[in-house]
């Protein structure tokens, strides 16, 4: 019973804390006059990726490298199949050419770099440093290239009337909840894996990945319903780039992380293929329809089913 409460408490901490982080960061972004796409990719994408960051670093320091790498790969797969699928099922949305050509290609490139680094067997500190530098360059490029497209204050949902002080408080409280939630979730996941003789990679790819992706799910679905497709899509695109190069980079800098053969040969190539599928889907039709959303959700169901059988 205590183990179940620990895992549920970790999920709730990540969900509530991630939501507060997103709202606070979005409010600050509005004050700076950023466009919806930049808010989605840079601010919201970063805010919703904090649970993955904290969870991966905590797992790596605790010696659970399988959960650390599995969480990143599983989160990126869940972002595309589960989150964009659910958002499109709620409300079909179009995507701008700008988002596809720029951020979509960067998502594929980051996934390929992640796969190449993982193929060596260990994500070392040199790789981590390179990834962090690339992430900083990506953020600078994104903000500068989109500066002229900055939207009005009303273009970003759910932050109207939020003062700067309240935004900062939301970020601080959100970060505390995320830290506590990650602690409980990782501890509970490790104990569960050992109790049922399930590999850390499977736990990271499924339970932990879905748990840390809840903020992205909530944000993208709400953005789609409120007719802000660029925030919904930008959230997923930004989160996947953060996960692949940012979170993996910081985690590897803190402590080098070994990558299992299963992750290198099965799950990471699958992550790359799904990233390509997303960009091709959006680039050809310029929109994600309901039937495409249902297809993405069905694919995620198959993926989880296969992971459960492998456990």
C-alpha atoms as a PDB file:
ATOM      1  CA  UNK A   1       0.000   0.000   0.000  1.00  0.00           C
ATOM      2  CA  UNK A   2       2.777   2.423   0.918  1.00  0.00           C
ATOM      3  CA  UNK A   3       4.576   1.681  -2.366  1.00  0.00           C
ATOM      4  CA  UNK A   4       1.424   2.459  -4.363  1.00  0.00           C
ATOM      5  CA  UNK A   5       0.900   5.696  -2.435  1.00  0.00           C
ATOM      6  CA  UNK A   6       4.529   6.627  -3.052  1.00  0.00           C
ATOM      7  CA  UNK A   7       4.205   6.181  -6.819  1.00  0.00           C
ATOM      8  CA  UNK A   8       0.827   7.961  -6.990  1.00  0.00           C
ATOM      9  CA  UNK A   9       2.198  10.793  -4.856  1.00  0.00           C
ATOM     10  CA  UNK A  10       5.164  11.113  -7.191  1.00  0.00           C
ATOM     11  CA  UNK A  11       2.862  11.285 -10.223  1.00  0.00           C
ATOM     12  CA  UNK A  12       0.729  13.979  -8.591  1.00  0.00           C
ATOM     13  CA  UNK A  13       3.772  15.999  -7.560  1.00  0.00           C
ATOM     14  CA  UNK A  14       5.102  15.933 -11.107  1.00  0.00           C
ATOM     15  CA  UNK A  15       1.715  16.779 -12.625  1.00  0.00           C
ATOM     16  CA  UNK A  16       0.863  19.691 -10.317  1.00  0.00           C
ATOM     17  CA  UNK A  17       4.427  20.990 -10.189  1.00  0.00           C
ATOM     18  CA  UNK A  18       4.809  20.802 -13.967  1.00  0.00           C
ATOM     19  CA  UNK A  19       1.537  22.694 -14.450  1.00  0.00           C
ATOM     20  CA  UNK A  20       2.684  25.472 -12.104  1.00  0.00           C
ATOM     21  CA  UNK A  21       6.027  25.672 -13.887  1.00  0.00           C
ATOM     22  CA  UNK A  22       4.330  25.997 -17.271  1.00  0.00           C
ATOM     23  CA  UNK A  23       1.908  28.683 -16.083  1.00  0.00           C
ATOM     24  CA  UNK A  24       4.651  30.692 -14.408  1.00  0.00           C
ATOM     25  CA  UNK A  25       7.042  30.413 -17.328  1.00  0.00           C
ATOM     26  CA  UNK A  26       4.305  31.268 -19.842  1.00  0.00           C
ATOM     27  CA  UNK A  27       3.310  34.354 -17.856  1.00  0.00           C
ATOM     28  CA  UNK A  28       6.908  35.583 -17.865  1.00  0.00           C
ATOM     29  CA  UNK A  29       7.176  34.839 -21.592  1.00  0.00           C
ATOM     30  CA  UNK A  30       4.099  36.978 -22.239  1.00  0.00           C
ATOM     31  CA  UNK A  31       5.704  39.866 -20.390  1.00  0.00           C
ATOM     32  CA  UNK A  32       8.676  39.532 -22.743  1.00  0.00           C
ATOM     33  CA  UNK A  33       6.431  39.592 -25.820  1.00  0.00           C
ATOM     34  CA  UNK A  34       7.239  36.121 -27.176  1.00  0.00           C
ATOM     35  CA  UNK A  35       5.143  34.502 -29.912  1.00  0.00           C
ATOM     36  CA  UNK A  36       2.982  31.388 -29.322  1.00  0.00           C
ATOM     37  CA  UNK A  37       5.436  29.175 -31.217  1.00  0.00           C
ATOM     38  CA  UNK A  38       8.373  30.335 -29.109  1.00  0.00           C
ATOM     39  CA  UNK A  39       6.297  29.984 -25.946  1.00  0.00           C
ATOM     40  CA  UNK A  40       5.419  26.441 -26.987  1.00  0.00           C
ATOM     41  CA  UNK A  41       8.914  25.347 -27.987  1.00  0.00           C
ATOM     42  CA  UNK A  42      11.124  27.298 -25.591  1.00  0.00           C
ATOM     43  CA  UNK A  43       9.094  28.101 -22.500  1.00  0.00           C
ATOM     44  CA  UNK A  44       6.344  25.484 -22.284  1.00  0.00           C
ATOM     45  CA  UNK A  45       8.595  22.807 -23.758  1.00  0.00           C
ATOM     46  CA  UNK A  46      11.214  23.513 -21.112  1.00  0.00           C
ATOM     47  CA  UNK A  47       8.722  23.729 -18.272  1.00  0.00           C
ATOM     48  CA  UNK A  48       7.071  20.422 -19.098  1.00  0.00           C
ATOM     49  CA  UNK A  49      10.488  18.739 -19.493  1.00  0.00           C
ATOM     50  CA  UNK A  50      11.627  19.608 -15.965  1.00  0.00           C
ATOM     51  CA  UNK A  51      10.071  16.405 -14.529  1.00  0.00           C
ATOM     52  CA  UNK A  52      12.118  14.324 -16.975  1.00  0.00           C
ATOM     53  CA  UNK A  53      15.266  16.292 -16.080  1.00  0.00           C
ATOM     54  CA  UNK A  54      14.901  15.879 -12.335  1.00  0.00           C
ATOM     55  CA  UNK A  55      13.856  12.241 -12.634  1.00  0.00           C
ATOM     56  CA  UNK A  56      16.765  11.321 -14.929  1.00  0.00           C
ATOM     57  CA  UNK A  57      19.405  13.045 -12.802  1.00  0.00           C
ATOM     58  CA  UNK A  58      17.976  11.490  -9.656  1.00  0.00           C
ATOM     59  CA  UNK A  59      17.903   8.044 -11.291  1.00  0.00           C
ATOM     60  CA  UNK A  60      21.479   8.363 -12.590  1.00  0.00           C
ATOM     61  CA  UNK A  61      22.800   9.421  -9.191  1.00  0.00           C
ATOM     62  CA  UNK A  62      20.910   6.523  -7.619  1.00  0.00           C
ATOM     63  CA  UNK A  63      22.553   4.025  -9.964  1.00  0.00           C
ATOM     64  CA  UNK A  64      19.345   3.353 -11.929  1.00  0.00           C
ATOM     65  CA  UNK A  65      20.788   4.166 -15.366  1.00  0.00           C
ATOM     66  CA  UNK A  66      18.131   2.091 -17.118  1.00  0.00           C
ATOM     67  CA  UNK A  67      15.398   4.325 -15.736  1.00  0.00           C
ATOM     68  CA  UNK A  68      17.337   7.469 -16.717  1.00  0.00           C
ATOM     69  CA  UNK A  69      17.818   6.576 -20.398  1.00  0.00           C
ATOM     70  CA  UNK A  70      14.531   4.681 -20.639  1.00  0.00           C
ATOM     71  CA  UNK A  71      12.662   7.706 -19.310  1.00  0.00           C
ATOM     72  CA  UNK A  72      14.047   9.968 -22.045  1.00  0.00           C
ATOM     73  CA  UNK A  73      13.345   7.505 -24.863  1.00  0.00           C
ATOM     74  CA  UNK A  74       9.936   6.544 -23.488  1.00  0.00           C
ATOM     75  CA  UNK A  75       8.965  10.182 -22.943  1.00  0.00           C
ATOM     76  CA  UNK A  76       9.832  11.136 -26.514  1.00  0.00           C
ATOM     77  CA  UNK A  77       7.802   8.217 -27.857  1.00  0.00           C
ATOM     78  CA  UNK A  78       4.892   9.112 -25.542  1.00  0.00           C
ATOM     79  CA  UNK A  79       5.079  12.789 -26.546  1.00  0.00           C
ATOM     80  CA  UNK A  80       4.417  11.958 -30.191  1.00  0.00           C
ATOM     81  CA  UNK A  81       2.148   8.920 -30.033  1.00  0.00           C
ATOM     82  CA  UNK A  82       0.213   9.514 -26.817  1.00  0.00           C
ATOM     83  CA  UNK A  83       0.192  13.284 -26.366  1.00  0.00           C
ATOM     84  CA  UNK A  84      -0.127  14.539 -29.938  1.00  0.00           C
ATOM     85  CA  UNK A  85      -2.509  11.674 -30.632  1.00  0.00           C
ATOM     86  CA  UNK A  86      -4.749  12.654 -27.718  1.00  0.00           C
ATOM     87  CA  UNK A  87      -4.587  16.360 -28.626  1.00  0.00           C
ATOM     88  CA  UNK A  88      -5.527  15.670 -32.261  1.00  0.00           C
ATOM     89  CA  UNK A  89      -8.343  13.367 -31.190  1.00  0.00           C
ATOM     90  CA  UNK A  90      -9.769  16.163 -29.016  1.00  0.00           C
ATOM     91  CA  UNK A  91      -9.460  18.750 -31.776  1.00  0.00           C
ATOM     92  CA  UNK A  92      -7.692  18.371 -35.166  1.00  0.00           C
ATOM     93  CA  UNK A  93      -5.095  21.050 -35.626  1.00  0.00           C
ATOM     94  CA  UNK A  94      -2.988  22.507 -38.398  1.00  0.00           C
ATOM     95  CA  UNK A  95       0.708  23.237 -38.233  1.00  0.00           C
ATOM     96  CA  UNK A  96       2.607  26.114 -39.783  1.00  0.00           C
ATOM     97  CA  UNK A  97       5.290  25.547 -42.405  1.00  0.00           C
ATOM     98  CA  UNK A  98       7.672  27.420 -40.113  1.00  0.00           C
ATOM     99  CA  UNK A  99       7.223  24.882 -37.309  1.00  0.00           C
ATOM    100  CA  UNK A 100       7.670  21.906 -39.621  1.00  0.00           C
ATOM    101  CA  UNK A 101      10.717  23.126 -41.522  1.00  0.00           C
ATOM    102  CA  UNK A 102      12.605  24.457 -38.533  1.00  0.00           C
ATOM    103  CA  UNK A 103      11.623  22.600 -35.380  1.00  0.00           C
ATOM    104  CA  UNK A 104      10.591  19.332 -37.032  1.00  0.00           C
ATOM    105  CA  UNK A 105      13.984  18.929 -38.693  1.00  0.00           C
ATOM    106  CA  UNK A 106      15.691  19.730 -35.391  1.00  0.00           C
ATOM    107  CA  UNK A 107      13.628  17.045 -33.633  1.00  0.00           C
ATOM    108  CA  UNK A 108      14.848  14.465 -36.165  1.00  0.00           C
ATOM    109  CA  UNK A 109      18.441  15.702 -35.934  1.00  0.00           C
ATOM    110  CA  UNK A 110      18.420  15.559 -32.122  1.00  0.00           C
ATOM    111  CA  UNK A 111      16.991  12.014 -32.189  1.00  0.00           C
ATOM    112  CA  UNK A 112      19.706  10.920 -34.632  1.00  0.00           C
ATOM    113  CA  UNK A 113      22.444  12.478 -32.474  1.00  0.00           C
ATOM    114  CA  UNK A 114      21.012  10.741 -29.416  1.00  0.00           C
ATOM    115  CA  UNK A 115      21.035   7.406 -31.280  1.00  0.00           C
ATOM    116  CA  UNK A 116      24.612   7.910 -32.497  1.00  0.00           C
ATOM    117  CA  UNK A 117      25.850   8.739 -28.996  1.00  0.00           C
ATOM    118  CA  UNK A 118      23.952   5.812 -27.472  1.00  0.00           C
ATOM    119  CA  UNK A 119      25.496   3.396 -29.976  1.00  0.00           C
ATOM    120  CA  UNK A 120      28.869   3.835 -28.223  1.00  0.00           C
ATOM    121  CA  UNK A 121      27.349   2.141 -25.153  1.00  0.00           C
ATOM    122  CA  UNK A 122      27.779   5.044 -22.725  1.00  0.00           C
ATOM    123  CA  UNK A 123      26.578   8.629 -22.579  1.00  0.00           C
ATOM    124  CA  UNK A 124      29.764  10.228 -21.253  1.00  0.00           C
ATOM    125  CA  UNK A 125      30.577  13.708 -20.008  1.00  0.00           C
ATOM    126  CA  UNK A 126      32.049  14.843 -23.349  1.00  0.00           C
ATOM    127  CA  UNK A 127      28.815  13.855 -25.081  1.00  0.00           C
ATOM    128  CA  UNK A 128      26.867  15.612 -22.339  1.00  0.00           C
ATOM    129  CA  UNK A 129      28.839  18.838 -22.806  1.00  0.00           C
ATOM    130  CA  UNK A 130      28.331  18.772 -26.586  1.00  0.00           C
ATOM    131  CA  UNK A 131      24.603  18.174 -26.156  1.00  0.00           C
ATOM    132  CA  UNK A 132      24.213  21.089 -23.717  1.00  0.00           C
ATOM    133  CA  UNK A 133      26.068  23.469 -26.063  1.00  0.00           C
ATOM    134  CA  UNK A 134      23.849  22.362 -28.955  1.00  0.00           C
ATOM    135  CA  UNK A 135      20.734  22.952 -26.846  1.00  0.00           C
ATOM    136  CA  UNK A 136      21.834  26.487 -25.967  1.00  0.00           C
ATOM    137  CA  UNK A 137      22.532  27.207 -29.651  1.00  0.00           C
ATOM    138  CA  UNK A 138      19.074  25.856 -30.550  1.00  0.00           C
ATOM    139  CA  UNK A 139      17.357  28.074 -27.985  1.00  0.00           C
ATOM    140  CA  UNK A 140      19.217  31.194 -29.105  1.00  0.00           C
ATOM    141  CA  UNK A 141      18.425  30.479 -32.760  1.00  0.00           C
ATOM    142  CA  UNK A 142      14.747  29.811 -32.025  1.00  0.00           C
ATOM    143  CA  UNK A 143      14.232  33.020 -30.053  1.00  0.00           C
ATOM    144  CA  UNK A 144      16.094  35.201 -32.549  1.00  0.00           C
ATOM    145  CA  UNK A 145      14.428  33.751 -35.643  1.00  0.00           C
ATOM    146  CA  UNK A 146      10.964  34.128 -34.165  1.00  0.00           C
ATOM    147  CA  UNK A 147      11.392  37.532 -32.548  1.00  0.00           C
ATOM    148  CA  UNK A 148       9.628  39.388 -35.357  1.00  0.00           C
ATOM    149  CA  UNK A 149       6.633  37.073 -35.060  1.00  0.00           C
ATOM    150  CA  UNK A 150       6.046  37.953 -31.426  1.00  0.00           C
ATOM    151  CA  UNK A 151       2.328  37.779 -30.653  1.00  0.00           C
ATOM    152  CA  UNK A 152       0.112  39.918 -28.540  1.00  0.00           C
ATOM    153  CA  UNK A 153      -0.527  39.322 -24.858  1.00  0.00           C
ATOM    154  CA  UNK A 154      -3.840  37.583 -25.555  1.00  0.00           C
ATOM    155  CA  UNK A 155      -2.276  34.968 -27.803  1.00  0.00           C
ATOM    156  CA  UNK A 156      -1.090  32.794 -24.930  1.00  0.00           C
ATOM    157  CA  UNK A 157      -3.835  31.012 -22.966  1.00  0.00           C
ATOM    158  CA  UNK A 158      -4.407  30.727 -19.254  1.00  0.00           C
ATOM    159  CA  UNK A 159      -1.982  33.418 -18.089  1.00  0.00           C
ATOM    160  CA  UNK A 160      -3.952  36.651 -18.379  1.00  0.00           C
ATOM    161  CA  UNK A 161      -3.742  38.812 -15.287  1.00  0.00           C
ATOM    162  CA  UNK A 162      -0.834  36.890 -13.772  1.00  0.00           C
ATOM    163  CA  UNK A 163       1.605  39.265 -12.087  1.00  0.00           C
ATOM    164  CA  UNK A 164       5.374  38.844 -12.313  1.00  0.00           C
ATOM    165  CA  UNK A 165       5.565  38.030  -8.587  1.00  0.00           C
ATOM    166  CA  UNK A 166       2.889  35.347  -8.840  1.00  0.00           C
ATOM    167  CA  UNK A 167       4.638  33.866 -11.880  1.00  0.00           C
ATOM    168  CA  UNK A 168       7.899  33.588  -9.919  1.00  0.00           C
ATOM    169  CA  UNK A 169       6.082  32.031  -6.952  1.00  0.00           C
ATOM    170  CA  UNK A 170       4.436  29.502  -9.292  1.00  0.00           C
ATOM    171  CA  UNK A 171       7.826  28.537 -10.719  1.00  0.00           C
ATOM    172  CA  UNK A 172       9.410  28.096  -7.272  1.00  0.00           C
ATOM    173  CA  UNK A 173       6.497  26.063  -5.864  1.00  0.00           C
ATOM    174  CA  UNK A 174       6.301  24.037  -9.067  1.00  0.00           C
ATOM    175  CA  UNK A 175      10.006  23.209  -8.925  1.00  0.00           C
ATOM    176  CA  UNK A 176       9.719  22.043  -5.299  1.00  0.00           C
ATOM    177  CA  UNK A 177       6.795  19.778  -6.159  1.00  0.00           C
ATOM    178  CA  UNK A 178       8.646  18.403  -9.170  1.00  0.00           C
ATOM    179  CA  UNK A 179      11.720  17.626  -7.057  1.00  0.00           C
ATOM    180  CA  UNK A 180       9.655  15.823  -4.424  1.00  0.00           C
ATOM    181  CA  UNK A 181       7.547  14.053  -7.033  1.00  0.00           C
ATOM    182  CA  UNK A 182      10.622  12.796  -8.889  1.00  0.00           C
ATOM    183  CA  UNK A 183      12.143  11.516  -5.650  1.00  0.00           C
ATOM    184  CA  UNK A 184       9.043   9.513  -4.754  1.00  0.00           C
ATOM    185  CA  UNK A 185       8.443   8.294  -8.310  1.00  0.00           C
ATOM    186  CA  UNK A 186      11.980   7.030  -8.924  1.00  0.00           C
ATOM    187  CA  UNK A 187      12.196   5.325  -5.535  1.00  0.00           C
ATOM    188  CA  UNK A 188       8.820   3.680  -6.060  1.00  0.00           C
ATOM    189  CA  UNK A 189       9.691   2.638  -9.617  1.00  0.00           C
ATOM    190  CA  UNK A 190      13.007   1.059  -8.579  1.00  0.00           C
ATOM    191  CA  UNK A 191      11.381  -0.877  -5.737  1.00  0.00           C
ATOM    192  CA  UNK A 192       8.599  -2.030  -8.064  1.00  0.00           C
ATOM    193  CA  UNK A 193      11.103  -3.197 -10.683  1.00  0.00           C
ATOM    194  CA  UNK A 194      13.031  -5.234  -8.156  1.00  0.00           C
ATOM    195  CA  UNK A 195       9.903  -6.600  -6.480  1.00  0.00           C
ATOM    196  CA  UNK A 196       8.418  -7.963  -9.708  1.00  0.00           C
ATOM    197  CA  UNK A 197      11.767  -8.692 -11.397  1.00  0.00           C
ATOM    198  CA  UNK A 198      11.042  -6.172 -14.150  1.00  0.00           C
ATOM    199  CA  UNK A 199      14.021  -4.516 -15.833  1.00  0.00           C
ATOM    200  CA  UNK A 200      14.739  -0.858 -15.076  1.00  0.00           C
ATOM    201  CA  UNK A 201      14.600  -0.098 -18.814  1.00  0.00           C
ATOM    202  CA  UNK A 202      10.990  -1.302 -19.085  1.00  0.00           C
ATOM    203  CA  UNK A 203       9.963   0.661 -15.978  1.00  0.00           C
ATOM    204  CA  UNK A 204      11.633   3.774 -17.394  1.00  0.00           C
ATOM    205  CA  UNK A 205      10.114   3.321 -20.853  1.00  0.00           C
ATOM    206  CA  UNK A 206       6.566   2.875 -19.525  1.00  0.00           C
ATOM    207  CA  UNK A 207       5.616   3.863 -15.970  1.00  0.00           C
ATOM    208  CA  UNK A 208       8.168   6.630 -15.398  1.00  0.00           C
ATOM    209  CA  UNK A 209       7.962   7.943 -18.983  1.00  0.00           C
ATOM    210  CA  UNK A 210       4.182   8.329 -18.848  1.00  0.00           C
ATOM    211  CA  UNK A 211       4.360   9.872 -15.375  1.00  0.00           C
ATOM    212  CA  UNK A 212       6.884  12.525 -16.368  1.00  0.00           C
ATOM    213  CA  UNK A 213       4.971  13.199 -19.611  1.00  0.00           C
ATOM    214  CA  UNK A 214       1.735  14.100 -17.828  1.00  0.00           C
ATOM    215  CA  UNK A 215       2.516  17.862 -17.879  1.00  0.00           C
ATOM    216  CA  UNK A 216       3.020  17.701 -21.665  1.00  0.00           C
ATOM    217  CA  UNK A 217      -0.230  15.760 -22.031  1.00  0.00           C
ATOM    218  CA  UNK A 218      -2.262  18.252 -20.001  1.00  0.00           C
ATOM    219  CA  UNK A 219      -0.680  21.266 -21.716  1.00  0.00           C
ATOM    220  CA  UNK A 220      -1.075  20.001 -25.286  1.00  0.00           C
ATOM    221  CA  UNK A 221      -4.680  18.842 -24.832  1.00  0.00           C
ATOM    222  CA  UNK A 222      -5.679  22.170 -23.260  1.00  0.00           C
ATOM    223  CA  UNK A 223      -3.851  24.108 -25.983  1.00  0.00           C
ATOM    224  CA  UNK A 224      -5.592  22.085 -28.711  1.00  0.00           C
ATOM    225  CA  UNK A 225      -9.026  22.568 -27.138  1.00  0.00           C
ATOM    226  CA  UNK A 226      -8.433  26.321 -26.807  1.00  0.00           C
ATOM    227  CA  UNK A 227      -7.405  26.517 -30.480  1.00  0.00           C
ATOM    228  CA  UNK A 228      -3.720  27.218 -29.901  1.00  0.00           C
ATOM    229  CA  UNK A 229      -2.228  24.507 -32.152  1.00  0.00           C
ATOM    230  CA  UNK A 230       1.236  26.040 -32.318  1.00  0.00           C
ATOM    231  CA  UNK A 231       1.581  25.771 -28.553  1.00  0.00           C
ATOM    232  CA  UNK A 232       0.375  22.158 -28.606  1.00  0.00           C
ATOM    233  CA  UNK A 233       2.741  21.141 -31.395  1.00  0.00           C
ATOM    234  CA  UNK A 234       5.566  23.373 -30.192  1.00  0.00           C
ATOM    235  CA  UNK A 235       5.286  21.854 -26.719  1.00  0.00           C
ATOM    236  CA  UNK A 236       5.905  18.350 -28.088  1.00  0.00           C
ATOM    237  CA  UNK A 237       8.621  19.417 -30.531  1.00  0.00           C
ATOM    238  CA  UNK A 238      10.415  21.465 -27.884  1.00  0.00           C
ATOM    239  CA  UNK A 239      10.101  18.762 -25.228  1.00  0.00           C
ATOM    240  CA  UNK A 240      11.581  16.116 -27.525  1.00  0.00           C
ATOM    241  CA  UNK A 241      14.596  18.285 -28.306  1.00  0.00           C
ATOM    242  CA  UNK A 242      15.066  19.105 -24.606  1.00  0.00           C
ATOM    243  CA  UNK A 243      14.809  15.435 -23.685  1.00  0.00           C
ATOM    244  CA  UNK A 244      17.219  14.142 -26.319  1.00  0.00           C
ATOM    245  CA  UNK A 245      20.023  16.699 -26.026  1.00  0.00           C
ATOM    246  CA  UNK A 246      19.265  18.840 -22.977  1.00  0.00           C
ATOM    247  CA  UNK A 247      18.198  16.342 -20.342  1.00  0.00           C
ATOM    248  CA  UNK A 248      20.503  13.607 -21.590  1.00  0.00           C
ATOM    249  CA  UNK A 249      23.332  16.132 -21.784  1.00  0.00           C
ATOM    250  CA  UNK A 250      22.884  17.422 -18.241  1.00  0.00           C
ATOM    251  CA  UNK A 251      22.403  13.901 -16.865  1.00  0.00           C
ATOM    252  CA  UNK A 252      25.582  12.673 -18.570  1.00  0.00           C
ATOM    253  CA  UNK A 253      27.508  15.679 -17.237  1.00  0.00           C
ATOM    254  CA  UNK A 254      26.395  14.860 -13.700  1.00  0.00           C
ATOM    255  CA  UNK A 255      27.198  11.158 -14.117  1.00  0.00           C
ATOM    256  CA  UNK A 256      28.050   9.105 -17.241  1.00  0.00           C
ATOM    257  CA  UNK A 257      25.173   6.770 -18.089  1.00  0.00           C
ATOM    258  CA  UNK A 258      25.522   3.315 -19.719  1.00  0.00           C
ATOM    259  CA  UNK A 259      23.007   2.370 -22.414  1.00  0.00           C
ATOM    260  CA  UNK A 260      21.705  -1.201 -22.625  1.00  0.00           C
ATOM    261  CA  UNK A 261      21.751  -3.270 -25.830  1.00  0.00           C
ATOM    262  CA  UNK A 262      17.935  -3.379 -25.937  1.00  0.00           C
ATOM    263  CA  UNK A 263      17.646   0.394 -25.824  1.00  0.00           C
ATOM    264  CA  UNK A 264      20.362   0.846 -28.459  1.00  0.00           C
ATOM    265  CA  UNK A 265      18.973  -1.679 -30.923  1.00  0.00           C
ATOM    266  CA  UNK A 266      15.193  -1.465 -30.407  1.00  0.00           C
ATOM    267  CA  UNK A 267      13.736   1.476 -28.491  1.00  0.00           C
ATOM    268  CA  UNK A 268      16.065   4.274 -29.606  1.00  0.00           C
ATOM    269  CA  UNK A 269      15.758   3.405 -33.345  1.00  0.00           C
ATOM    270  CA  UNK A 270      11.982   3.302 -32.784  1.00  0.00           C
ATOM    271  CA  UNK A 271      12.145   6.798 -31.263  1.00  0.00           C
ATOM    272  CA  UNK A 272      13.967   8.037 -34.380  1.00  0.00           C
ATOM    273  CA  UNK A 273      11.428   6.388 -36.710  1.00  0.00           C
ATOM    274  CA  UNK A 274       8.474   7.901 -34.838  1.00  0.00           C
ATOM    275  CA  UNK A 275      10.105  11.354 -34.978  1.00  0.00           C
ATOM    276  CA  UNK A 276      10.402  11.031 -38.757  1.00  0.00           C
ATOM    277  CA  UNK A 277       6.789   9.810 -38.949  1.00  0.00           C
ATOM    278  CA  UNK A 278       5.549  12.908 -37.124  1.00  0.00           C
ATOM    279  CA  UNK A 279       7.403  15.360 -39.356  1.00  0.00           C
ATOM    280  CA  UNK A 280       6.313  13.569 -42.547  1.00  0.00           C
ATOM    281  CA  UNK A 281       2.708  13.447 -41.324  1.00  0.00           C
ATOM    282  CA  UNK A 282       2.591  17.161 -40.545  1.00  0.00           C
ATOM    283  CA  UNK A 283       4.629  18.251 -43.577  1.00  0.00           C
ATOM    284  CA  UNK A 284       2.447  16.402 -46.101  1.00  0.00           C
ATOM    285  CA  UNK A 285      -0.952  17.406 -44.778  1.00  0.00           C
ATOM    286  CA  UNK A 286      -0.049  20.506 -42.743  1.00  0.00           C
ATOM    287  CA  UNK A 287      -2.446  19.193 -40.112  1.00  0.00           C
ATOM    288  CA  UNK A 288      -3.018  16.329 -37.711  1.00  0.00           C
ATOM    289  CA  UNK A 289      -6.559  15.012 -38.160  1.00  0.00           C
ATOM    290  CA  UNK A 290      -8.658  12.964 -35.762  1.00  0.00           C
ATOM    291  CA  UNK A 291      -8.040   9.709 -37.596  1.00  0.00           C
ATOM    292  CA  UNK A 292      -4.303  10.388 -37.507  1.00  0.00           C
ATOM    293  CA  UNK A 293      -4.574  11.110 -33.790  1.00  0.00           C
ATOM    294  CA  UNK A 294      -6.410   7.813 -33.314  1.00  0.00           C
ATOM    295  CA  UNK A 295      -3.701   6.042 -35.310  1.00  0.00           C
ATOM    296  CA  UNK A 296      -0.970   7.536 -33.099  1.00  0.00           C
ATOM    297  CA  UNK A 297      -2.824   6.451 -29.952  1.00  0.00           C
ATOM    298  CA  UNK A 298      -3.282   2.937 -31.363  1.00  0.00           C
ATOM    299  CA  UNK A 299       0.432   2.704 -32.114  1.00  0.00           C
ATOM    300  CA  UNK A 300       1.213   3.737 -28.550  1.00  0.00           C
ATOM    301  CA  UNK A 301      -1.136   1.060 -27.250  1.00  0.00           C
ATOM    302  CA  UNK A 302       0.727  -1.543 -29.332  1.00  0.00           C
ATOM    303  CA  UNK A 303       4.070  -0.240 -28.046  1.00  0.00           C
ATOM    304  CA  UNK A 304       2.999  -0.446 -24.391  1.00  0.00           C
ATOM    305  CA  UNK A 305       1.575  -3.910 -25.007  1.00  0.00           C
ATOM    306  CA  UNK A 306       4.883  -5.118 -26.421  1.00  0.00           C
ATOM    307  CA  UNK A 307       6.795  -3.584 -23.501  1.00  0.00           C
ATOM    308  CA  UNK A 308       4.502  -5.308 -21.028  1.00  0.00           C
ATOM    309  CA  UNK A 309       5.075  -8.658 -22.744  1.00  0.00           C
ATOM    310  CA  UNK A 310       8.837  -8.064 -22.722  1.00  0.00           C
ATOM    311  CA  UNK A 311       8.700  -7.466 -18.969  1.00  0.00           C
END
